[in-house]
C-alpha atoms as a PDB file:
ATOM      1  CA  MET A   1     219.366  37.485  -4.284  1.00  0.00           C
ATOM      2  CA  ASN A   2     216.909  35.474  -5.714  1.00  0.00           C
ATOM      3  CA  CYS A   3     215.571  37.326  -8.866  1.00  0.00           C
ATOM      4  CA  GLN A   4     213.088  35.993 -11.353  1.00  0.00           C
ATOM      5  CA  ASN A   5     212.013  38.199 -14.742  1.00  0.00           C
ATOM      6  CA  PHE A   6     208.306  37.617 -15.619  1.00  0.00           C
ATOM      7  CA  SER A   7     206.101  38.432 -18.482  1.00  0.00           C
ATOM      8  CA  LEU A   8     202.300  38.436 -18.155  1.00  0.00           C
ATOM      9  CA  VAL A   9     199.752  36.662 -20.934  1.00  0.00           C
ATOM     10  CA  PRO A  10     195.960  37.673 -21.478  1.00  0.00           C
ATOM     11  CA  PHE A  11     193.507  34.922 -20.482  1.00  0.00           C
ATOM     12  CA  GLY A  12     192.284  34.674 -23.958  1.00  0.00           C
ATOM     13  CA  PRO A  13     192.394  36.920 -27.124  1.00  0.00           C
ATOM     14  CA  SER A  14     193.671  40.541 -26.314  1.00  0.00           C
ATOM     15  CA  SER A  15     192.828  43.643 -28.320  1.00  0.00           C
ATOM     16  CA  THR A  16     195.140  45.525 -26.352  1.00  0.00           C
ATOM     17  CA  ASN A  17     198.798  46.393 -27.885  1.00  0.00           C
ATOM     18  CA  LEU A  18     200.132  46.099 -24.323  1.00  0.00           C
ATOM     19  CA  THR A  19     203.240  44.121 -22.586  1.00  0.00           C
ATOM     20  CA  ILE A  20     203.401  43.751 -18.815  1.00  0.00           C
ATOM     21  CA  CYS A  21     206.312  42.222 -17.273  1.00  0.00           C
ATOM     22  CA  GLY A  22     209.142  43.014 -14.618  1.00  0.00           C
ATOM     23  CA  ASP A  23     211.112  41.383 -12.103  1.00  0.00           C
ATOM     24  CA  LEU A  24     210.197  39.773  -8.842  1.00  0.00           C
ATOM     25  CA  ALA A  25     213.341  39.445  -6.398  1.00  0.00           C
ATOM     26  CA  LEU A  26     213.556  38.127  -2.718  1.00  0.00           C
ATOM     27  CA  HIS A  27     216.594  38.554  -0.413  1.00  0.00           C
ATOM     28  CA  ALA A  28     216.900  38.426   3.669  1.00  0.00           C
ATOM     29  CA  GLY A  29     213.169  38.672   4.139  1.00  0.00           C
ATOM     30  CA  VAL A  30     212.441  41.528   2.015  1.00  0.00           C
ATOM     31  CA  MET A  31     210.247  41.182  -1.699  1.00  0.00           C
ATOM     32  CA  GLU A  32     211.064  43.803  -4.419  1.00  0.00           C
ATOM     33  CA  VAL A  33     208.706  43.477  -7.349  1.00  0.00           C
ATOM     34  CA  VAL A  34     208.919  45.914 -10.618  1.00  0.00           C
ATOM     35  CA  PHE A  35     205.765  46.172 -13.146  1.00  0.00           C
ATOM     36  CA  LYS A  36     206.219  47.655 -16.267  1.00  0.00           C
ATOM     37  CA  LEU A  37     203.212  48.292 -18.842  1.00  0.00           C
ATOM     38  CA  GLU A  38     203.912  49.396 -22.179  1.00  0.00           C
ATOM     39  CA  GLY A  39     201.816  49.932 -25.154  1.00  0.00           C
ATOM     40  CA  ASP A  40     198.691  52.227 -25.910  1.00  0.00           C
ATOM     41  CA  LEU A  41     198.240  53.140 -22.208  1.00  0.00           C
ATOM     42  CA  SER A  42     195.277  55.342 -23.671  1.00  0.00           C
ATOM     43  CA  ALA A  43     193.283  52.201 -24.537  1.00  0.00           C
ATOM     44  CA  ILE A  44     193.114  51.306 -20.760  1.00  0.00           C
ATOM     45  CA  ARG A  45     191.715  53.121 -17.768  1.00  0.00           C
ATOM     46  CA  ILE A  46     194.446  53.952 -15.159  1.00  0.00           C
ATOM     47  CA  ALA A  47     193.265  56.000 -11.949  1.00  0.00           C
ATOM     48  CA  PRO A  48     195.559  59.094 -11.498  1.00  0.00           C
ATOM     49  CA  PRO A  49     197.540  59.301  -8.717  1.00  0.00           C
ATOM     50  CA  ALA A  50     196.000  59.904  -4.948  1.00  0.00           C
ATOM     51  CA  MET A  51     197.013  62.348  -2.914  1.00  0.00           C
ATOM     52  CA  ALA A  52     198.089  59.834  -0.198  1.00  0.00           C
ATOM     53  CA  GLY A  53     197.663  55.947  -1.270  1.00  0.00           C
ATOM     54  CA  GLU A  54     195.839  54.137   1.535  1.00  0.00           C
ATOM     55  CA  ARG A  55     194.707  50.662   2.317  1.00  0.00           C
ATOM     56  CA  ARG A  56     191.593  49.786   0.193  1.00  0.00           C
ATOM     57  CA  ASP A  57     189.446  46.424  -0.767  1.00  0.00           C
ATOM     58  CA  LEU A  58     188.190  45.668  -4.129  1.00  0.00           C
ATOM     59  CA  LEU A  59     190.877  47.047  -5.991  1.00  0.00           C
ATOM     60  CA  TRP A  60     190.585  44.658  -8.547  1.00  0.00           C
ATOM     61  CA  GLN A  61     187.587  46.176 -10.098  1.00  0.00           C
ATOM     62  CA  THR A  62     189.983  48.384 -12.301  1.00  0.00           C
ATOM     63  CA  THR A  63     193.437  48.265 -13.144  1.00  0.00           C
ATOM     64  CA  CYS A  64     195.302  46.222 -10.523  1.00  0.00           C
ATOM     65  CA  LEU A  65     198.993  44.660 -10.421  1.00  0.00           C
ATOM     66  CA  GLU A  66     198.954  41.925  -7.900  1.00  0.00           C
ATOM     67  CA  VAL A  67     201.563  39.606  -6.618  1.00  0.00           C
ATOM     68  CA  PHE A  68     200.477  36.360  -4.674  1.00  0.00           C
ATOM     69  CA  LEU A  69     202.980  34.100  -2.297  1.00  0.00           C
ATOM     70  CA  ALA A  70     203.455  31.271  -0.504  1.00  0.00           C
ATOM     71  CA  HIS A  71     205.598  28.547   1.035  1.00  0.00           C
ATOM     72  CA  ARG A  72     205.328  25.519  -1.670  1.00  0.00           C
ATOM     73  CA  GLY A  73     203.212  22.948  -0.689  1.00  0.00           C
ATOM     74  CA  ALA A  74     202.022  24.720   2.147  1.00  0.00           C
ATOM     75  CA  GLY A  75     197.774  25.875   2.362  1.00  0.00           C
ATOM     76  CA  PRO A  76     197.860  29.764   3.214  1.00  0.00           C
ATOM     77  CA  TYR A  77     199.101  32.481   1.063  1.00  0.00           C
ATOM     78  CA  TRP A  78     199.150  36.043   0.558  1.00  0.00           C
ATOM     79  CA  GLU A  79     197.935  38.520  -1.926  1.00  0.00           C
ATOM     80  CA  PHE A  80     199.508  41.786  -2.637  1.00  0.00           C
ATOM     81  CA  ASN A  81     196.841  44.507  -4.445  1.00  0.00           C
ATOM     82  CA  LEU A  82     198.865  47.603  -6.000  1.00  0.00           C
ATOM     83  CA  SER A  83     196.810  50.444  -7.960  1.00  0.00           C
ATOM     84  CA  PRO A  84     198.657  52.625  -9.959  1.00  0.00           C
ATOM     85  CA  ALA A  85     196.667  55.378  -8.176  1.00  0.00           C
ATOM     86  CA  GLY A  86     198.754  54.397  -4.998  1.00  0.00           C
ATOM     87  CA  HIS A  87     196.117  52.596  -3.124  1.00  0.00           C
ATOM     88  CA  TRP A  88     196.811  49.224  -2.186  1.00  0.00           C
ATOM     89  CA  ASN A  89     196.240  45.739   0.147  1.00  0.00           C
ATOM     90  CA  VAL A  90     197.677  42.867   1.756  1.00  0.00           C
ATOM     91  CA  TYR A  91     195.562  39.902   2.322  1.00  0.00           C
ATOM     92  CA  ARG A  92     196.335  36.525   3.971  1.00  0.00           C
ATOM     93  CA  LEU A  93     194.082  33.358   3.077  1.00  0.00           C
ATOM     94  CA  GLU A  94     194.372  30.354   4.957  1.00  0.00           C
ATOM     95  CA  SER A  95     193.721  27.966   1.732  1.00  0.00           C
ATOM     96  CA  TYR A  96     192.177  28.361  -1.931  1.00  0.00           C
ATOM     97  CA  ARG A  97     189.767  31.067  -1.451  1.00  0.00           C
ATOM     98  CA  GLN A  98     189.159  30.545   1.978  1.00  0.00           C
ATOM     99  CA  GLY A  99     189.746  33.110   5.022  1.00  0.00           C
ATOM    100  CA  LEU A 100     190.543  36.326   3.418  1.00  0.00           C
ATOM    101  CA  ALA A 101     191.844  38.771   5.901  1.00  0.00           C
ATOM    102  CA  PRO A 102     193.857  41.739   5.795  1.00  0.00           C
ATOM    103  CA  GLU A 103     197.459  41.036   6.626  1.00  0.00           C
ATOM    104  CA  PRO A 104     197.832  42.941  10.102  1.00  0.00           C
ATOM    105  CA  ALA A 105     201.585  43.101   9.534  1.00  0.00           C
ATOM    106  CA  TYR A 106     201.181  46.481   7.538  1.00  0.00           C
ATOM    107  CA  ALA A 107     199.965  49.663   8.121  1.00  0.00           C
ATOM    108  CA  GLN A 108     201.283  51.168   5.088  1.00  0.00           C
ATOM    109  CA  LEU A 109     202.881  49.846   1.444  1.00  0.00           C
ATOM    110  CA  PRO A 110     204.525  52.652  -0.182  1.00  0.00           C
ATOM    111  CA  PHE A 111     205.318  52.208  -3.385  1.00  0.00           C
ATOM    112  CA  ARG A 112     206.686  54.136  -6.497  1.00  0.00           C
ATOM    113  CA  VAL A 113     204.624  55.045  -9.801  1.00  0.00           C
ATOM    114  CA  GLN A 114     206.098  56.164 -12.913  1.00  0.00           C
ATOM    115  CA  ARG A 115     203.925  56.953 -15.999  1.00  0.00           C
ATOM    116  CA  HIS A 116     205.472  58.197 -19.401  1.00  0.00           C
ATOM    117  CA  LEU A 117     203.320  58.321 -22.679  1.00  0.00           C
ATOM    118  CA  GLN A 118     203.928  54.660 -23.450  1.00  0.00           C
ATOM    119  CA  GLN A 119     204.863  53.318 -20.008  1.00  0.00           C
ATOM    120  CA  LEU A 120     203.834  52.872 -16.865  1.00  0.00           C
ATOM    121  CA  SER A 121     206.137  51.466 -14.246  1.00  0.00           C
ATOM    122  CA  LEU A 122     205.486  50.338 -10.314  1.00  0.00           C
ATOM    123  CA  SER A 123     208.096  49.659  -7.885  1.00  0.00           C
ATOM    124  CA  LEU A 124     207.647  48.240  -4.221  1.00  0.00           C
ATOM    125  CA  ARG A 125     209.932  47.166  -1.926  1.00  0.00           C
ATOM    126  CA  CYS A 126     208.689  45.723   1.496  1.00  0.00           C
ATOM    127  CA  GLY A 127     209.500  42.837   4.091  1.00  0.00           C
ATOM    128  CA  LEU A 128     207.525  39.682   3.736  1.00  0.00           C
ATOM    129  CA  PRO A 129     204.929  38.921   6.242  1.00  0.00           C
ATOM    130  CA  PRO A 130     206.669  37.156   8.963  1.00  0.00           C
ATOM    131  CA  ALA A 131     204.842  34.288   8.335  1.00  0.00           C
ATOM    132  CA  LEU A 132     206.593  34.609   5.036  1.00  0.00           C
ATOM    133  CA  ALA A 133     210.036  35.383   6.218  1.00  0.00           C
ATOM    134  CA  LEU A 134     210.389  32.013   8.039  1.00  0.00           C
ATOM    135  CA  PRO A 135     211.563  29.439   7.904  1.00  0.00           C
ATOM    136  CA  ALA A 136     214.649  30.804   6.188  1.00  0.00           C
ATOM    137  CA  THR A 137     215.200  27.425   4.573  1.00  0.00           C
ATOM    138  CA  ALA A 138     211.868  27.338   3.434  1.00  0.00           C
ATOM    139  CA  ASP A 139     211.018  27.835  -0.458  1.00  0.00           C
ATOM    140  CA  LEU A 140     208.177  30.469  -1.896  1.00  0.00           C
ATOM    141  CA  GLU A 141     206.401  30.183  -4.771  1.00  0.00           C
ATOM    142  CA  ALA A 142     204.635  33.502  -6.676  1.00  0.00           C
ATOM    143  CA  ALA A 143     201.994  34.064  -8.873  1.00  0.00           C
ATOM    144  CA  ILE A 144     202.405  37.548 -10.555  1.00  0.00           C
ATOM    145  CA  THR A 145     199.113  38.574 -12.140  1.00  0.00           C
ATOM    146  CA  ALA A 146     197.034  41.789 -13.223  1.00  0.00           C
ATOM    147  CA  VAL A 147     193.689  43.305 -13.955  1.00  0.00           C
ATOM    148  CA  ILE A 148     193.526  45.555 -16.601  1.00  0.00           C
ATOM    149  CA  GLN A 149     190.410  47.723 -17.296  1.00  0.00           C
ATOM    150  CA  HIS A 150     189.966  48.587 -20.995  1.00  0.00           C
ATOM    151  CA  SER A 151     188.523  52.297 -21.837  1.00  0.00           C
ATOM    152  CA  ASP A 152     185.398  51.040 -22.570  1.00  0.00           C
ATOM    153  CA  GLY A 153     185.108  49.477 -19.240  1.00  0.00           C
ATOM    154  CA  SER A 154     185.610  45.699 -19.944  1.00  0.00           C
ATOM    155  CA  LEU A 155     188.649  43.920 -17.808  1.00  0.00           C
ATOM    156  CA  SER A 156     191.090  41.666 -19.137  1.00  0.00           C
ATOM    157  CA  TYR A 157     193.014  39.264 -17.115  1.00  0.00           C
ATOM    158  CA  TRP A 158     196.787  38.808 -16.990  1.00  0.00           C
ATOM    159  CA  ALA A 159     198.925  36.223 -15.573  1.00  0.00           C
ATOM    160  CA  LEU A 160     202.465  34.005 -15.533  1.00  0.00           C
ATOM    161  CA  HIS A 161     200.289  31.173 -16.509  1.00  0.00           C
ATOM    162  CA  HIS A 162     196.298  30.512 -16.574  1.00  0.00           C
ATOM    163  CA  PRO A 163     195.690  27.161 -15.386  1.00  0.00           C
ATOM    164  CA  ALA A 164     192.082  26.674 -15.482  1.00  0.00           C
ATOM    165  CA  ALA A 165     189.109  27.028 -17.881  1.00  0.00           C
ATOM    166  CA  GLU A 166     188.613  30.389 -16.412  1.00  0.00           C
ATOM    167  CA  ALA A 167     190.813  33.153 -15.111  1.00  0.00           C
ATOM    168  CA  ASP A 168     191.566  32.288 -11.648  1.00  0.00           C
ATOM    169  CA  PHE A 169     194.512  33.844 -10.044  1.00  0.00           C
ATOM    170  CA  HIS A 170     194.404  31.884  -6.859  1.00  0.00           C
ATOM    171  CA  HIS A 171     194.678  28.297  -8.397  1.00  0.00           C
ATOM    172  CA  ARG A 172     198.044  27.192  -7.115  1.00  0.00           C
ATOM    173  CA  ASP A 173     199.115  26.084 -10.589  1.00  0.00           C
ATOM    174  CA  GLY A 174     199.366  29.293 -11.413  1.00  0.00           C
ATOM    175  CA  PHE A 175     201.820  30.018  -8.498  1.00  0.00           C
ATOM    176  CA  CYS A 176     204.781  29.152 -11.115  1.00  0.00           C
ATOM    177  CA  LEU A 177     207.726  31.617  -9.791  1.00  0.00           C
ATOM    178  CA  GLN A 178     210.020  29.434  -7.991  1.00  0.00           C
ATOM    179  CA  LEU A 179     211.921  31.605  -5.242  1.00  0.00           C
ATOM    180  CA  GLY A 180     214.066  29.551  -3.323  1.00  0.00           C
ATOM    181  CA  ARG A 181     216.139  31.079  -0.398  1.00  0.00           C
ATOM    182  CA  ALA A 182     219.704  32.347  -0.743  1.00  0.00           C
END
């Protein structure tokens, strides 16, 4: 199993006492990701749990946790959006911000969200999209990101690395977790 720990940093200064960290693992075509948000959660907007999570667009307009995956050096990439409410989406893009389309390999994407006073954790275990699962010898690269909506409605953007002058989760220099195949 290939497992990487991560810790996100905000784009620009942040007045929120928040830490976002976790783990990303790949093994035999399966991805496991765990996000942990710790700190003053009352300072951010977290949607209440939905009765049933469903596929939705525009999740990044509020608090949303994200994983971007691609074969190293290839154009196409995938974007996983996870709302603490239980809603989700997985998109395939042909190249930088081009050809955004829902990934048809997913009809559902169940994940677990647990919330305590000062901590929220979100964990997902799912098969990789078929195009990412092959070839078995290819290395993958990942970007882990988060959009956080503050109690005043403003948004902050968190990532492993912010390679551009503006927050841009699609910038391939931000895909800085290297995940070789085991």
